C-alpha atoms as a PDB file:
ATOM      1  CA  MET A   1       0.000   0.000   0.000  1.00  0.00           C
ATOM      2  CA  ASP A   2       1.360   3.422  -0.895  1.00  0.00           C
ATOM      3  CA  ALA A   3       0.597   6.745   0.765  1.00  0.00           C
ATOM      4  CA  LEU A   4      -2.140   7.693  -1.726  1.00  0.00           C
ATOM      5  CA  GLU A   5      -3.985   4.425  -1.145  1.00  0.00           C
ATOM      6  CA  PHE A   6      -3.722   4.946   2.582  1.00  0.00           C
ATOM      7  CA  LEU A   7      -5.086   8.490   2.322  1.00  0.00           C
ATOM      8  CA  SER A   8      -8.061   7.227   0.319  1.00  0.00           C
ATOM      9  CA  LYS A   9      -9.000   4.976   3.252  1.00  0.00           C
ATOM     10  CA  VAL A  10      -8.600   7.388   6.164  1.00  0.00           C
ATOM     11  CA  THR A  11      -9.516  10.921   7.057  1.00  0.00           C
ATOM     12  CA  PRO A  12      -6.470  12.787   8.358  1.00  0.00           C
ATOM     13  CA  GLY A  13      -7.035  14.340  11.757  1.00  0.00           C
ATOM     14  CA  LYS A  14      -7.006  18.099  12.117  1.00  0.00           C
ATOM     15  CA  GLN A  15      -4.245  19.585  14.182  1.00  0.00           C
ATOM     16  CA  HIS A  16      -5.530  21.729  17.006  1.00  0.00           C
ATOM     17  CA  SER A  17      -3.455  24.154  18.960  1.00  0.00           C
ATOM     18  CA  ARG A  18      -3.517  23.887  22.721  1.00  0.00           C
ATOM     19  CA  LEU A  19      -4.489  27.567  22.591  1.00  0.00           C
ATOM     20  CA  THR A  20      -7.653  27.004  20.539  1.00  0.00           C
ATOM     21  CA  PRO A  21      -9.875  26.404  23.601  1.00  0.00           C
ATOM     22  CA  PHE A  22      -8.701  29.790  24.931  1.00  0.00           C
ATOM     23  CA  LEU A  23      -9.231  31.780  21.723  1.00  0.00           C
ATOM     24  CA  ALA A  24     -12.280  33.652  23.050  1.00  0.00           C
ATOM     25  CA  ASP A  25     -10.453  34.494  26.288  1.00  0.00           C
ATOM     26  CA  ILE A  26      -7.330  35.610  24.428  1.00  0.00           C
ATOM     27  CA  THR A  27      -9.434  37.814  22.155  1.00  0.00           C
ATOM     28  CA  LEU A  28     -11.293  39.337  25.111  1.00  0.00           C
ATOM     29  CA  LEU A  29      -8.094  40.078  27.016  1.00  0.00           C
ATOM     30  CA  ARG A  30      -6.461  41.688  23.977  1.00  0.00           C
ATOM     31  CA  GLN A  31      -9.582  43.785  23.245  1.00  0.00           C
ATOM     32  CA  HIS A  32      -9.405  45.098  26.796  1.00  0.00           C
ATOM     33  CA  GLY A  33      -5.793  46.157  26.360  1.00  0.00           C
ATOM     34  CA  CYS A  34      -3.871  43.294  27.946  1.00  0.00           C
ATOM     35  CA  THR A  35      -0.337  42.863  26.679  1.00  0.00           C
ATOM     36  CA  LEU A  36       0.894  39.615  25.204  1.00  0.00           C
ATOM     37  CA  GLU A  37       2.888  39.069  28.395  1.00  0.00           C
ATOM     38  CA  GLN A  38      -0.283  39.426  30.472  1.00  0.00           C
ATOM     39  CA  VAL A  39      -2.130  36.981  28.229  1.00  0.00           C
ATOM     40  CA  CYS A  40       0.755  34.523  28.682  1.00  0.00           C
ATOM     41  CA  GLU A  41       0.367  34.942  32.449  1.00  0.00           C
ATOM     42  CA  PHE A  42      -3.362  34.194  32.144  1.00  0.00           C
ATOM     43  CA  LEU A  43      -2.625  31.091  30.090  1.00  0.00           C
ATOM     44  CA  ALA A  44      -0.028  29.967  32.644  1.00  0.00           C
ATOM     45  CA  THR A  45      -2.705  30.088  35.356  1.00  0.00           C
ATOM     46  CA  ASN A  46      -4.547  27.565  33.178  1.00  0.00           C
ATOM     47  CA  ASN A  47      -1.471  25.320  32.877  1.00  0.00           C
ATOM     48  CA  VAL A  48      -0.698  26.429  29.318  1.00  0.00           C
ATOM     49  CA  LYS A  49       2.919  27.475  28.927  1.00  0.00           C
ATOM     50  CA  ILE A  50       3.697  29.510  25.805  1.00  0.00           C
ATOM     51  CA  SER A  51       6.190  32.169  24.847  1.00  0.00           C
ATOM     52  CA  VAL A  52       5.175  35.663  23.832  1.00  0.00           C
ATOM     53  CA  ALA A  53       6.449  34.905  20.326  1.00  0.00           C
ATOM     54  CA  GLY A  54       4.370  31.720  20.158  1.00  0.00           C
ATOM     55  CA  LEU A  55       1.257  33.547  21.325  1.00  0.00           C
ATOM     56  CA  SER A  56       1.838  36.319  18.800  1.00  0.00           C
ATOM     57  CA  LYS A  57       2.148  33.765  15.998  1.00  0.00           C
ATOM     58  CA  PHE A  58      -1.076  32.033  17.104  1.00  0.00           C
ATOM     59  CA  ILE A  59      -2.989  35.331  17.150  1.00  0.00           C
ATOM     60  CA  LYS A  60      -1.698  36.310  13.699  1.00  0.00           C
ATOM     61  CA  THR A  61      -2.608  32.893  12.292  1.00  0.00           C
ATOM     62  CA  LYS A  62      -6.149  33.102  13.662  1.00  0.00           C
ATOM     63  CA  ARG A  63      -6.514  36.681  12.395  1.00  0.00           C
ATOM     64  CA  ASN A  64      -5.495  35.563   8.889  1.00  0.00           C
ATOM     65  CA  GLU A  65      -8.013  32.682   8.961  1.00  0.00           C
ATOM     66  CA  ARG A  66     -10.929  35.121   9.213  1.00  0.00           C
END
Protein backbone atom coordinates (compact mmCIF):
# COMPACT_ATOMS: atom_id res chain seq x y z
CA MET A 1 0.00 0.00 0.00
CA ASP A 2 1.36 3.42 -0.89
CA ALA A 3 0.60 6.74 0.76
CA LEU A 4 -2.14 7.69 -1.73
CA GLU A 5 -3.98 4.42 -1.15
CA PHE A 6 -3.72 4.95 2.58
CA LEU A 7 -5.09 8.49 2.32
CA SER A 8 -8.06 7.23 0.32
CA LYS A 9 -9.00 4.98 3.25
CA VAL A 10 -8.60 7.39 6.16
CA THR A 11 -9.52 10.92 7.06
CA PRO A 12 -6.47 12.79 8.36
CA GLY A 13 -7.04 14.34 11.76
CA LYS A 14 -7.01 18.10 12.12
CA GLN A 15 -4.24 19.59 14.18
CA HIS A 16 -5.53 21.73 17.01
CA SER A 17 -3.46 24.15 18.96
CA ARG A 18 -3.52 23.89 22.72
CA LEU A 19 -4.49 27.57 22.59
CA THR A 20 -7.65 27.00 20.54
CA PRO A 21 -9.88 26.40 23.60
CA PHE A 22 -8.70 29.79 24.93
CA LEU A 23 -9.23 31.78 21.72
CA ALA A 24 -12.28 33.65 23.05
CA ASP A 25 -10.45 34.49 26.29
CA ILE A 26 -7.33 35.61 24.43
CA THR A 27 -9.43 37.81 22.16
CA LEU A 28 -11.29 39.34 25.11
CA LEU A 29 -8.09 40.08 27.02
CA ARG A 30 -6.46 41.69 23.98
CA GLN A 31 -9.58 43.79 23.25
CA HIS A 32 -9.40 45.10 26.80
CA GLY A 33 -5.79 46.16 26.36
CA CYS A 34 -3.87 43.29 27.95
CA THR A 35 -0.34 42.86 26.68
CA LEU A 36 0.89 39.61 25.20
CA GLU A 37 2.89 39.07 28.40
CA GLN A 38 -0.28 39.43 30.47
CA VAL A 39 -2.13 36.98 28.23
CA CYS A 40 0.75 34.52 28.68
CA GLU A 41 0.37 34.94 32.45
CA PHE A 42 -3.36 34.19 32.14
CA LEU A 43 -2.63 31.09 30.09
CA ALA A 44 -0.03 29.97 32.64
CA THR A 45 -2.71 30.09 35.36
CA ASN A 46 -4.55 27.56 33.18
CA ASN A 47 -1.47 25.32 32.88
CA VAL A 48 -0.70 26.43 29.32
CA LYS A 49 2.92 27.47 28.93
CA ILE A 50 3.70 29.51 25.80
CA SER A 51 6.19 32.17 24.85
CA VAL A 52 5.17 35.66 23.83
CA ALA A 53 6.45 34.90 20.33
CA GLY A 54 4.37 31.72 20.16
CA LEU A 55 1.26 33.55 21.32
CA SER A 56 1.84 36.32 18.80
CA LYS A 57 2.15 33.77 16.00
CA PHE A 58 -1.08 32.03 17.10
CA ILE A 59 -2.99 35.33 17.15
CA LYS A 60 -1.70 36.31 13.70
CA THR A 61 -2.61 32.89 12.29
CA LYS A 62 -6.15 33.10 13.66
CA ARG A 63 -6.51 36.68 12.39
CA ASN A 64 -5.49 35.56 8.89
CA GLU A 65 -8.01 32.68 8.96
CA ARG A 66 -10.93 35.12 9.21
